[in-house]
Amino acid sequence: SAVGQRDNLVIKTWHPSAGSRPHVVQYNGLTRVYFSTKGAWGNANCRDDSADIVKEDTHLISSMLAAFMAGKRVSVEVNDTLPRVNGVCKITAAFINN
């Protein structure tokens, strides 16, 4: 278990889920961010194409959405000790690059 980071990423797809999705409850309140390139997250054991933001992290949601809309590249930190959905790790920090 570890913290991982990827740099200079382009957000390809922004996929927010409602707070209540009865048919797939594991996605309740998650926003999944898909990146244009796949890659390892360093020592973290995470799926290579995306990362999740939990609904409580509103500052991460707004920052990453602003980056997506502005076409800015991002650097993202994840932690594989937090609960994962389908192998996708949670974002614990983000850097918006100019």
N, C-alpha and C. Protein backbone atom coordinates (compact mmCIF):
# COMPACT_ATOMS: atom_id res chain seq x y z
N SER A 1 0.84 -1.19 0.00
CA SER A 1 0.00 0.00 0.00
C SER A 1 0.88 1.24 0.00
N ALA A 2 0.47 2.21 -0.81
CA ALA A 2 1.34 3.36 -0.99
C ALA A 2 0.59 4.56 -1.57
N VAL A 3 1.27 5.68 -1.52
CA VAL A 3 0.84 6.89 -2.21
C VAL A 3 1.50 6.88 -3.57
N GLY A 4 0.75 7.26 -4.60
CA GLY A 4 1.31 7.33 -5.94
C GLY A 4 0.98 8.65 -6.57
N GLN A 5 1.74 9.00 -7.60
CA GLN A 5 1.50 10.25 -8.30
C GLN A 5 1.80 10.09 -9.78
N ARG A 6 1.02 10.79 -10.58
CA ARG A 6 1.29 10.92 -12.01
C ARG A 6 1.24 12.39 -12.36
N ASP A 7 2.10 12.80 -13.28
CA ASP A 7 2.24 14.21 -13.62
C ASP A 7 1.88 14.49 -15.08
N ASN A 8 1.55 15.75 -15.33
CA ASN A 8 1.33 16.24 -16.68
C ASN A 8 0.20 15.48 -17.40
N LEU A 9 -0.87 15.24 -16.67
CA LEU A 9 -2.00 14.47 -17.22
C LEU A 9 -3.03 15.39 -17.88
N VAL A 10 -3.65 14.87 -18.93
CA VAL A 10 -4.78 15.54 -19.58
C VAL A 10 -6.04 14.79 -19.16
N ILE A 11 -7.02 15.54 -18.65
CA ILE A 11 -8.30 14.94 -18.27
C ILE A 11 -9.10 14.71 -19.55
N LYS A 12 -9.44 13.45 -19.81
CA LYS A 12 -10.16 13.09 -21.03
C LYS A 12 -11.68 13.10 -20.81
N THR A 13 -12.11 12.53 -19.68
CA THR A 13 -13.55 12.39 -19.41
C THR A 13 -13.81 12.69 -17.94
N TRP A 14 -14.91 13.40 -17.70
CA TRP A 14 -15.34 13.77 -16.36
C TRP A 14 -16.66 13.04 -16.10
N HIS A 15 -16.70 12.15 -15.10
CA HIS A 15 -17.88 11.31 -14.89
C HIS A 15 -18.38 11.39 -13.45
N PRO A 16 -19.23 12.39 -13.14
CA PRO A 16 -19.81 12.47 -11.80
C PRO A 16 -21.01 11.52 -11.66
N SER A 17 -21.15 10.97 -10.47
CA SER A 17 -22.31 10.11 -10.15
C SER A 17 -23.14 10.77 -9.07
N ALA A 18 -24.43 10.56 -9.12
CA ALA A 18 -25.34 11.10 -8.12
C ALA A 18 -25.03 10.52 -6.74
N GLY A 19 -25.50 11.19 -5.72
CA GLY A 19 -25.33 10.69 -4.36
C GLY A 19 -26.07 9.39 -4.12
N SER A 20 -27.06 9.12 -4.96
CA SER A 20 -27.82 7.88 -4.85
C SER A 20 -28.00 7.26 -6.23
N ARG A 21 -27.28 6.17 -6.45
CA ARG A 21 -27.43 5.36 -7.67
C ARG A 21 -27.74 3.95 -7.22
N PRO A 22 -29.02 3.64 -6.99
CA PRO A 22 -29.38 2.36 -6.38
C PRO A 22 -28.90 1.13 -7.14
N HIS A 23 -28.71 1.24 -8.45
CA HIS A 23 -28.31 0.07 -9.24
C HIS A 23 -26.79 -0.16 -9.18
N VAL A 24 -26.01 0.83 -8.76
CA VAL A 24 -24.55 0.68 -8.59
C VAL A 24 -24.12 1.51 -7.38
N VAL A 25 -24.50 1.07 -6.21
CA VAL A 25 -24.30 1.87 -4.99
C VAL A 25 -22.84 2.18 -4.70
N GLN A 26 -21.92 1.35 -5.20
CA GLN A 26 -20.51 1.60 -4.91
C GLN A 26 -20.02 2.91 -5.55
N TYR A 27 -20.78 3.43 -6.52
CA TYR A 27 -20.41 4.69 -7.17
C TYR A 27 -21.09 5.91 -6.56
N ASN A 28 -21.94 5.71 -5.56
CA ASN A 28 -22.67 6.83 -4.96
C ASN A 28 -21.72 7.95 -4.56
N GLY A 29 -21.95 9.14 -5.11
CA GLY A 29 -21.19 10.32 -4.72
C GLY A 29 -19.78 10.41 -5.25
N LEU A 30 -19.38 9.52 -6.12
CA LEU A 30 -18.02 9.57 -6.68
C LEU A 30 -18.02 10.36 -7.99
N THR A 31 -16.93 11.06 -8.23
CA THR A 31 -16.65 11.62 -9.54
C THR A 31 -15.41 10.91 -10.06
N ARG A 32 -15.55 10.21 -11.17
CA ARG A 32 -14.42 9.50 -11.76
C ARG A 32 -13.82 10.38 -12.84
N VAL A 33 -12.50 10.53 -12.76
CA VAL A 33 -11.75 11.33 -13.72
C VAL A 33 -10.92 10.37 -14.57
N TYR A 34 -11.16 10.39 -15.88
CA TYR A 34 -10.40 9.55 -16.81
C TYR A 34 -9.33 10.41 -17.48
N PHE A 35 -8.14 9.84 -17.64
CA PHE A 35 -7.02 10.56 -18.23
C PHE A 35 -6.75 10.06 -19.65
N SER A 36 -6.16 10.91 -20.47
CA SER A 36 -5.95 10.56 -21.88
C SER A 36 -4.86 9.52 -22.06
N THR A 37 -3.98 9.37 -21.09
CA THR A 37 -2.93 8.35 -21.17
C THR A 37 -3.02 7.43 -19.96
N LYS A 38 -2.69 6.17 -20.17
CA LYS A 38 -2.65 5.20 -19.09
C LYS A 38 -1.23 5.16 -18.54
N GLY A 39 -1.11 4.82 -17.26
CA GLY A 39 0.23 4.73 -16.67
C GLY A 39 0.17 4.29 -15.23
N ALA A 40 1.29 3.79 -14.76
CA ALA A 40 1.41 3.33 -13.38
C ALA A 40 1.42 4.52 -12.42
N TRP A 41 0.93 4.28 -11.23
CA TRP A 41 0.89 5.29 -10.17
C TRP A 41 2.06 5.07 -9.20
N GLY A 42 3.25 4.87 -9.71
CA GLY A 42 4.40 4.63 -8.84
C GLY A 42 4.22 3.31 -8.11
N ASN A 43 4.35 3.34 -6.78
CA ASN A 43 4.22 2.13 -5.97
C ASN A 43 2.78 1.82 -5.59
N ALA A 44 1.84 2.71 -5.91
CA ALA A 44 0.44 2.49 -5.55
C ALA A 44 -0.19 1.49 -6.52
N ASN A 45 -1.01 0.62 -6.00
CA ASN A 45 -1.68 -0.41 -6.80
C ASN A 45 -3.06 0.11 -7.21
N CYS A 46 -3.10 0.85 -8.32
CA CYS A 46 -4.32 1.50 -8.78
C CYS A 46 -4.53 1.26 -10.27
N ARG A 47 -5.80 1.30 -10.69
CA ARG A 47 -6.09 1.20 -12.12
C ARG A 47 -5.39 2.33 -12.86
N ASP A 48 -4.94 2.05 -14.08
CA ASP A 48 -4.02 2.96 -14.77
C ASP A 48 -4.65 4.05 -15.62
N ASP A 49 -5.98 4.12 -15.70
CA ASP A 49 -6.60 5.08 -16.60
C ASP A 49 -7.44 6.16 -15.93
N SER A 50 -7.60 6.07 -14.59
CA SER A 50 -8.54 6.98 -13.94
C SER A 50 -8.26 7.08 -12.45
N ALA A 51 -8.97 8.02 -11.80
CA ALA A 51 -8.92 8.18 -10.35
C ALA A 51 -10.26 8.78 -9.92
N ASP A 52 -10.63 8.56 -8.66
CA ASP A 52 -11.92 9.01 -8.15
C ASP A 52 -11.76 10.15 -7.15
N ILE A 53 -12.78 11.01 -7.12
CA ILE A 53 -12.89 12.06 -6.10
C ILE A 53 -14.17 11.80 -5.32
N VAL A 54 -14.10 11.82 -3.99
CA VAL A 54 -15.29 11.62 -3.17
C VAL A 54 -16.04 12.94 -3.04
N LYS A 55 -17.35 12.86 -2.86
CA LYS A 55 -18.20 14.06 -2.88
C LYS A 55 -17.84 15.06 -1.78
N GLU A 56 -17.27 14.58 -0.67
CA GLU A 56 -16.91 15.49 0.42
C GLU A 56 -15.75 16.41 0.04
N ASP A 57 -14.95 16.01 -0.93
CA ASP A 57 -13.79 16.81 -1.34
C ASP A 57 -14.18 17.82 -2.41
N THR A 58 -15.06 18.74 -2.02
CA THR A 58 -15.61 19.70 -2.99
C THR A 58 -14.53 20.59 -3.58
N HIS A 59 -13.49 20.91 -2.82
CA HIS A 59 -12.41 21.74 -3.35
C HIS A 59 -11.63 21.00 -4.45
N LEU A 60 -11.47 19.68 -4.31
CA LEU A 60 -10.83 18.90 -5.37
C LEU A 60 -11.73 18.83 -6.60
N ILE A 61 -13.03 18.63 -6.36
CA ILE A 61 -13.97 18.56 -7.49
C ILE A 61 -13.94 19.86 -8.28
N SER A 62 -14.03 21.00 -7.59
CA SER A 62 -14.08 22.28 -8.31
C SER A 62 -12.75 22.57 -9.00
N SER A 63 -11.64 22.26 -8.37
CA SER A 63 -10.33 22.51 -8.99
C SER A 63 -10.11 21.65 -10.22
N MET A 64 -10.42 20.37 -10.10
CA MET A 64 -10.22 19.46 -11.23
C MET A 64 -11.20 19.76 -12.37
N LEU A 65 -12.44 20.15 -12.03
CA LEU A 65 -13.40 20.53 -13.07
C LEU A 65 -12.93 21.78 -13.80
N ALA A 66 -12.40 22.75 -13.05
CA ALA A 66 -11.88 23.97 -13.68
C ALA A 66 -10.73 23.62 -14.62
N ALA A 67 -9.85 22.72 -14.19
CA ALA A 67 -8.73 22.29 -15.04
C ALA A 67 -9.24 21.61 -16.31
N PHE A 68 -10.23 20.75 -16.15
CA PHE A 68 -10.82 20.04 -17.29
C PHE A 68 -11.41 21.04 -18.29
N MET A 69 -12.19 21.98 -17.78
CA MET A 69 -12.86 22.95 -18.65
C MET A 69 -11.87 23.89 -19.33
N ALA A 70 -10.75 24.19 -18.66
CA ALA A 70 -9.75 25.11 -19.21
C ALA A 70 -8.70 24.39 -20.04
N GLY A 71 -8.75 23.08 -20.08
CA GLY A 71 -7.77 22.33 -20.84
C GLY A 71 -6.39 22.33 -20.20
N LYS A 72 -6.33 22.52 -18.89
CA LYS A 72 -5.05 22.53 -18.18
C LYS A 72 -4.61 21.12 -17.85
N ARG A 73 -3.31 20.91 -17.82
CA ARG A 73 -2.76 19.62 -17.39
C ARG A 73 -2.71 19.59 -15.87
N VAL A 74 -2.79 18.39 -15.31
CA VAL A 74 -2.82 18.23 -13.86
C VAL A 74 -1.79 17.19 -13.42
N SER A 75 -1.37 17.31 -12.19
CA SER A 75 -0.62 16.26 -11.51
C SER A 75 -1.52 15.77 -10.39
N VAL A 76 -1.58 14.45 -10.21
CA VAL A 76 -2.54 13.86 -9.29
C VAL A 76 -1.85 12.89 -8.35
N GLU A 77 -2.21 13.00 -7.06
CA GLU A 77 -1.73 12.06 -6.04
C GLU A 77 -2.90 11.18 -5.62
N VAL A 78 -2.64 9.87 -5.50
CA VAL A 78 -3.65 8.92 -5.04
C VAL A 78 -3.08 8.10 -3.89
N ASN A 79 -3.98 7.42 -3.17
CA ASN A 79 -3.56 6.56 -2.06
C ASN A 79 -4.33 5.26 -2.16
N ASP A 80 -3.61 4.15 -2.27
CA ASP A 80 -4.30 2.86 -2.44
C ASP A 80 -4.74 2.22 -1.14
N THR A 81 -4.53 2.90 0.01
CA THR A 81 -5.04 2.36 1.26
C THR A 81 -6.50 2.76 1.48
N LEU A 82 -6.99 3.74 0.73
CA LEU A 82 -8.40 4.12 0.81
C LEU A 82 -9.23 3.14 -0.01
N PRO A 83 -10.51 2.96 0.33
CA PRO A 83 -11.34 2.01 -0.42
C PRO A 83 -11.36 2.33 -1.91
N ARG A 84 -11.22 1.29 -2.73
CA ARG A 84 -11.23 1.44 -4.19
C ARG A 84 -12.49 0.84 -4.78
N VAL A 85 -12.94 1.39 -5.91
CA VAL A 85 -14.04 0.84 -6.67
C VAL A 85 -13.47 0.38 -8.01
N ASN A 86 -13.56 -0.92 -8.27
CA ASN A 86 -13.00 -1.50 -9.50
C ASN A 86 -11.53 -1.16 -9.70
N GLY A 87 -10.79 -1.14 -8.60
CA GLY A 87 -9.35 -0.89 -8.68
C GLY A 87 -8.95 0.56 -8.83
N VAL A 88 -9.93 1.47 -8.87
CA VAL A 88 -9.63 2.89 -9.04
C VAL A 88 -9.39 3.53 -7.67
N CYS A 89 -8.27 4.21 -7.54
CA CYS A 89 -7.90 4.84 -6.27
C CYS A 89 -8.50 6.23 -6.13
N LYS A 90 -8.55 6.69 -4.89
CA LYS A 90 -9.07 8.02 -4.57
C LYS A 90 -7.96 9.06 -4.71
N ILE A 91 -8.33 10.21 -5.24
CA ILE A 91 -7.42 11.35 -5.32
C ILE A 91 -7.29 11.98 -3.95
N THR A 92 -6.04 12.19 -3.51
CA THR A 92 -5.81 12.84 -2.21
C THR A 92 -5.20 14.22 -2.36
N ALA A 93 -4.69 14.56 -3.53
CA ALA A 93 -4.18 15.90 -3.82
C ALA A 93 -4.09 16.06 -5.32
N ALA A 94 -4.18 17.31 -5.76
CA ALA A 94 -4.06 17.61 -7.18
C ALA A 94 -3.32 18.91 -7.36
N PHE A 95 -2.59 18.99 -8.45
CA PHE A 95 -1.86 20.19 -8.82
C PHE A 95 -2.33 20.58 -10.22
N ILE A 96 -2.78 21.82 -10.35
CA ILE A 96 -3.24 22.31 -11.64
C ILE A 96 -2.05 23.03 -12.28
N ASN A 97 -1.64 22.56 -13.44
CA ASN A 97 -0.45 23.09 -14.10
C ASN A 97 -0.83 24.09 -15.17
N ASN A 98 -0.01 25.10 -15.34
CA ASN A 98 -0.29 26.14 -16.32
C ASN A 98 0.38 25.83 -17.63
